[in-house]
């Protein structure tokens, strides 16, 4: 989980701990658009750009570490990491936090769509991704797990949209760490009784928790 969630911790730490004055100096050195904003607005945008840049860099590093240590980058990490790089790059280029704030909604939506497609076509796509994380799970268990995660991703996409559209930048960043991750962990654990009834014989159900 460290590889998947490490970049998010970096994002959170840089946003809240990086000196505001230094962030403004760094951003101002590369662009002159901050001069067109009031101090409060310039501070927020400077934090957005510095934190998002750190997020993108940390994500690329995490993918490289995964490749070096595990020999491969998981499909989910490829998808999540790719979205971070693209949407983070758009945020930095256009100086607009909305792109990186929408990123989770797109990731959740893609995961939900892929899982729903697997259910409709009878293809165990989730089993192909997480088969080693849930040894012994029978076919019915995989279908139920796929259905549950698809619905969860839809709910999380809607929740992310509600949060970033109605709250501040700092609140949304905090929500990603203190809201989205705990909700994902709680949901994963809530599925364990059902998984056990369908043959799960592992003691590490967290291994299959998707990245943020």
Protein backbone atom coordinates (compact mmCIF):
# COMPACT_ATOMS: atom_id res chain seq x y z
CA UNK A 1 0.00 0.00 0.00
CA UNK A 2 2.95 2.32 0.52
CA UNK A 3 3.61 2.49 -3.22
CA UNK A 4 -0.03 3.31 -4.01
CA UNK A 5 -0.64 5.82 -1.22
CA UNK A 6 2.83 7.31 -0.78
CA UNK A 7 2.29 9.98 -3.47
CA UNK A 8 -0.96 11.04 -1.80
CA UNK A 9 0.87 11.51 1.50
CA UNK A 10 3.45 13.65 -0.32
CA UNK A 11 0.63 15.69 -1.87
CA UNK A 12 -0.94 16.27 1.54
CA UNK A 13 2.35 17.10 3.26
CA UNK A 14 3.52 19.57 0.62
CA UNK A 15 0.16 21.31 0.51
CA UNK A 16 -0.01 21.88 4.27
CA UNK A 17 3.64 22.00 5.34
CA UNK A 18 5.51 23.64 2.48
CA UNK A 19 6.22 27.33 3.34
CA UNK A 20 3.65 29.53 1.61
CA UNK A 21 6.10 32.34 0.90
CA UNK A 22 8.54 29.93 -0.74
CA UNK A 23 5.75 28.39 -2.82
CA UNK A 24 4.80 31.83 -4.12
CA UNK A 25 8.42 32.64 -4.95
CA UNK A 26 8.89 29.37 -6.84
CA UNK A 27 5.72 29.82 -8.88
CA UNK A 28 6.36 33.52 -9.49
CA UNK A 29 9.84 32.68 -10.79
CA UNK A 30 8.34 30.57 -13.54
CA UNK A 31 5.32 32.66 -14.44
CA UNK A 32 4.03 36.16 -13.95
CA UNK A 33 0.34 35.38 -13.61
CA UNK A 34 0.38 35.57 -9.79
CA UNK A 35 0.76 39.34 -10.04
CA UNK A 36 -2.75 39.52 -11.47
CA UNK A 37 -4.26 37.94 -8.33
CA UNK A 38 -4.85 39.23 -4.83
CA UNK A 39 -2.58 37.78 -2.15
CA UNK A 40 -5.12 35.21 -0.93
CA UNK A 41 -5.81 33.97 -4.45
CA UNK A 42 -2.11 33.92 -5.33
CA UNK A 43 -1.35 31.89 -2.21
CA UNK A 44 -3.95 29.26 -3.03
CA UNK A 45 -2.81 28.89 -6.64
CA UNK A 46 0.84 28.71 -5.57
CA UNK A 47 -0.01 25.91 -3.12
CA UNK A 48 -2.00 24.12 -5.81
CA UNK A 49 0.84 24.23 -8.32
CA UNK A 50 3.60 23.21 -5.89
CA UNK A 51 1.57 20.43 -4.26
CA UNK A 52 0.34 19.09 -7.59
CA UNK A 53 3.85 19.11 -9.05
CA UNK A 54 5.08 17.15 -6.03
CA UNK A 55 2.14 14.74 -6.46
CA UNK A 56 3.03 14.08 -10.10
CA UNK A 57 6.73 13.59 -9.36
CA UNK A 58 6.00 11.29 -6.41
CA UNK A 59 3.59 9.25 -8.54
CA UNK A 60 6.18 8.72 -11.27
CA UNK A 61 8.73 7.72 -8.61
CA UNK A 62 6.25 5.27 -7.05
CA UNK A 63 5.65 3.63 -10.41
CA UNK A 64 9.40 3.35 -10.98
CA UNK A 65 9.88 1.84 -7.51
CA UNK A 66 7.08 -0.63 -8.17
CA UNK A 67 8.76 -1.69 -11.40
CA UNK A 68 12.17 -2.00 -9.73
CA UNK A 69 11.07 -3.81 -6.57
CA UNK A 70 8.11 -5.85 -7.78
CA UNK A 71 9.14 -6.31 -11.39
CA UNK A 72 5.94 -4.76 -12.72
CA UNK A 73 3.49 -1.91 -12.32
CA UNK A 74 -0.04 -3.07 -11.53
CA UNK A 75 -2.76 -2.16 -14.05
CA UNK A 76 -4.59 -0.09 -11.44
CA UNK A 77 -1.44 1.84 -10.59
CA UNK A 78 -0.85 2.47 -14.31
CA UNK A 79 -4.35 3.87 -14.66
CA UNK A 80 -4.28 5.96 -11.49
CA UNK A 81 -0.73 7.16 -12.16
CA UNK A 82 -1.53 8.05 -15.74
CA UNK A 83 -4.48 10.16 -14.66
CA UNK A 84 -2.35 11.91 -12.03
CA UNK A 85 0.28 12.84 -14.62
CA UNK A 86 -2.27 14.03 -17.21
CA UNK A 87 -4.65 15.91 -14.91
CA UNK A 88 -1.83 17.16 -12.70
CA UNK A 89 -0.04 18.45 -15.78
CA UNK A 90 -3.20 20.26 -16.89
CA UNK A 91 -3.57 21.85 -13.46
CA UNK A 92 0.02 23.12 -13.50
CA UNK A 93 -0.14 24.31 -17.12
CA UNK A 94 -3.47 26.14 -16.80
CA UNK A 95 -3.01 27.14 -13.15
CA UNK A 96 -6.41 25.63 -12.43
CA UNK A 97 -6.99 23.21 -9.52
CA UNK A 98 -10.18 21.83 -11.07
CA UNK A 99 -8.26 19.37 -13.25
CA UNK A 100 -6.51 17.53 -10.41
CA UNK A 101 -9.68 17.75 -8.31
CA UNK A 102 -11.66 15.99 -11.05
CA UNK A 103 -9.01 13.31 -11.45
CA UNK A 104 -10.40 10.96 -8.75
CA UNK A 105 -13.87 11.16 -10.29
CA UNK A 106 -12.50 10.02 -13.65
CA UNK A 107 -10.48 7.23 -12.03
CA UNK A 108 -13.45 6.00 -10.00
CA UNK A 109 -15.68 6.28 -13.04
CA UNK A 110 -13.29 4.28 -15.21
CA UNK A 111 -12.93 1.54 -12.61
CA UNK A 112 -16.72 1.37 -12.19
CA UNK A 113 -17.27 1.19 -15.96
CA UNK A 114 -14.66 -1.54 -16.42
CA UNK A 115 -16.08 -3.63 -13.58
CA UNK A 116 -19.65 -3.14 -14.83
CA UNK A 117 -18.56 -4.23 -18.31
CA UNK A 118 -17.05 -7.37 -16.79
CA UNK A 119 -20.28 -8.16 -14.97
CA UNK A 120 -22.43 -7.63 -18.06
CA UNK A 121 -20.20 -9.72 -20.32
CA UNK A 122 -19.47 -12.40 -17.74
CA UNK A 123 -15.73 -11.72 -17.75
CA UNK A 124 -14.01 -11.87 -14.35
CA UNK A 125 -11.96 -8.71 -14.88
CA UNK A 126 -11.49 -8.05 -11.17
CA UNK A 127 -10.29 -11.61 -10.68
CA UNK A 128 -7.65 -11.04 -13.32
CA UNK A 129 -6.42 -7.94 -11.49
CA UNK A 130 -6.65 -9.17 -7.90
CA UNK A 131 -6.70 -12.94 -8.14
CA UNK A 132 -3.59 -13.39 -5.97
CA UNK A 133 -5.05 -11.08 -3.32
CA UNK A 134 -8.11 -13.28 -2.73
CA UNK A 135 -7.01 -16.95 -3.06
CA UNK A 136 -9.79 -19.51 -2.80
CA UNK A 137 -12.61 -17.10 -3.64
CA UNK A 138 -15.27 -18.83 -5.72
CA UNK A 139 -16.99 -17.48 -8.85
CA UNK A 140 -20.04 -16.20 -6.98
CA UNK A 141 -17.79 -14.38 -4.54
CA UNK A 142 -15.93 -12.69 -7.39
CA UNK A 143 -19.20 -11.54 -8.96
CA UNK A 144 -20.43 -10.09 -5.68
CA UNK A 145 -17.09 -8.42 -5.00
CA UNK A 146 -17.06 -6.95 -8.50
CA UNK A 147 -20.61 -5.62 -8.09
CA UNK A 148 -19.82 -4.13 -4.69
CA UNK A 149 -16.68 -2.34 -5.85
CA UNK A 150 -18.41 -1.02 -8.98
CA UNK A 151 -21.16 0.53 -6.85
CA UNK A 152 -18.60 1.87 -4.38
CA UNK A 153 -16.62 3.56 -7.15
CA UNK A 154 -19.77 5.22 -8.48
CA UNK A 155 -20.56 6.51 -4.99
CA UNK A 156 -16.99 7.76 -4.49
CA UNK A 157 -17.02 9.56 -7.83
CA UNK A 158 -20.21 11.35 -6.83
CA UNK A 159 -18.80 12.15 -3.38
CA UNK A 160 -15.59 13.57 -4.83
CA UNK A 161 -17.57 15.78 -7.18
CA UNK A 162 -19.70 17.04 -4.30
CA UNK A 163 -16.69 17.77 -2.10
CA UNK A 164 -14.49 19.65 -4.57
CA UNK A 165 -17.38 21.67 -5.98
CA UNK A 166 -18.69 22.84 -2.58
CA UNK A 167 -15.59 23.21 -0.38
CA UNK A 168 -12.15 24.83 -0.36
CA UNK A 169 -8.94 23.48 -1.86
CA UNK A 170 -7.48 22.64 1.57
CA UNK A 171 -10.65 20.83 2.64
CA UNK A 172 -10.60 18.73 -0.53
CA UNK A 173 -6.92 17.80 -0.05
CA UNK A 174 -7.67 16.79 3.53
CA UNK A 175 -10.68 14.79 2.37
CA UNK A 176 -8.50 12.75 0.03
CA UNK A 177 -6.33 11.61 2.95
CA UNK A 178 -8.75 11.56 5.88
CA UNK A 179 -11.95 10.78 3.98
CA UNK A 180 -11.36 8.79 0.80
CA UNK A 181 -8.71 6.43 2.15
CA UNK A 182 -10.56 5.51 5.39
CA UNK A 183 -13.78 4.99 3.43
CA UNK A 184 -11.97 2.68 1.01
CA UNK A 185 -10.39 0.68 3.84
CA UNK A 186 -13.69 0.41 5.70
CA UNK A 187 -15.44 -0.76 2.56
CA UNK A 188 -12.74 -3.36 1.89
CA UNK A 189 -13.08 -4.73 5.41
CA UNK A 190 -16.88 -4.67 5.18
CA UNK A 191 -16.62 -7.14 2.30
CA UNK A 192 -14.55 -9.65 4.27
CA UNK A 193 -17.48 -11.60 5.83
CA UNK A 194 -18.99 -12.11 2.39
CA UNK A 195 -15.63 -13.14 0.98
CA UNK A 196 -15.09 -15.68 3.76
CA UNK A 197 -18.47 -17.24 3.03
CA UNK A 198 -17.31 -17.74 -0.55
CA UNK A 199 -14.00 -19.45 0.12
CA UNK A 200 -11.51 -16.68 0.89
CA UNK A 201 -8.55 -18.17 2.74
CA UNK A 202 -6.20 -15.20 3.07
CA UNK A 203 -5.48 -13.13 6.17
CA UNK A 204 -4.55 -10.01 4.15
CA UNK A 205 -7.69 -8.67 2.43
CA UNK A 206 -6.06 -5.22 2.19
CA UNK A 207 -3.79 -6.48 -0.58
CA UNK A 208 -6.55 -5.91 -3.09
CA UNK A 209 -7.49 -2.36 -2.16
CA UNK A 210 -7.38 -0.18 -5.27
CA UNK A 211 -5.15 2.91 -5.26
CA UNK A 212 -6.51 6.40 -4.96
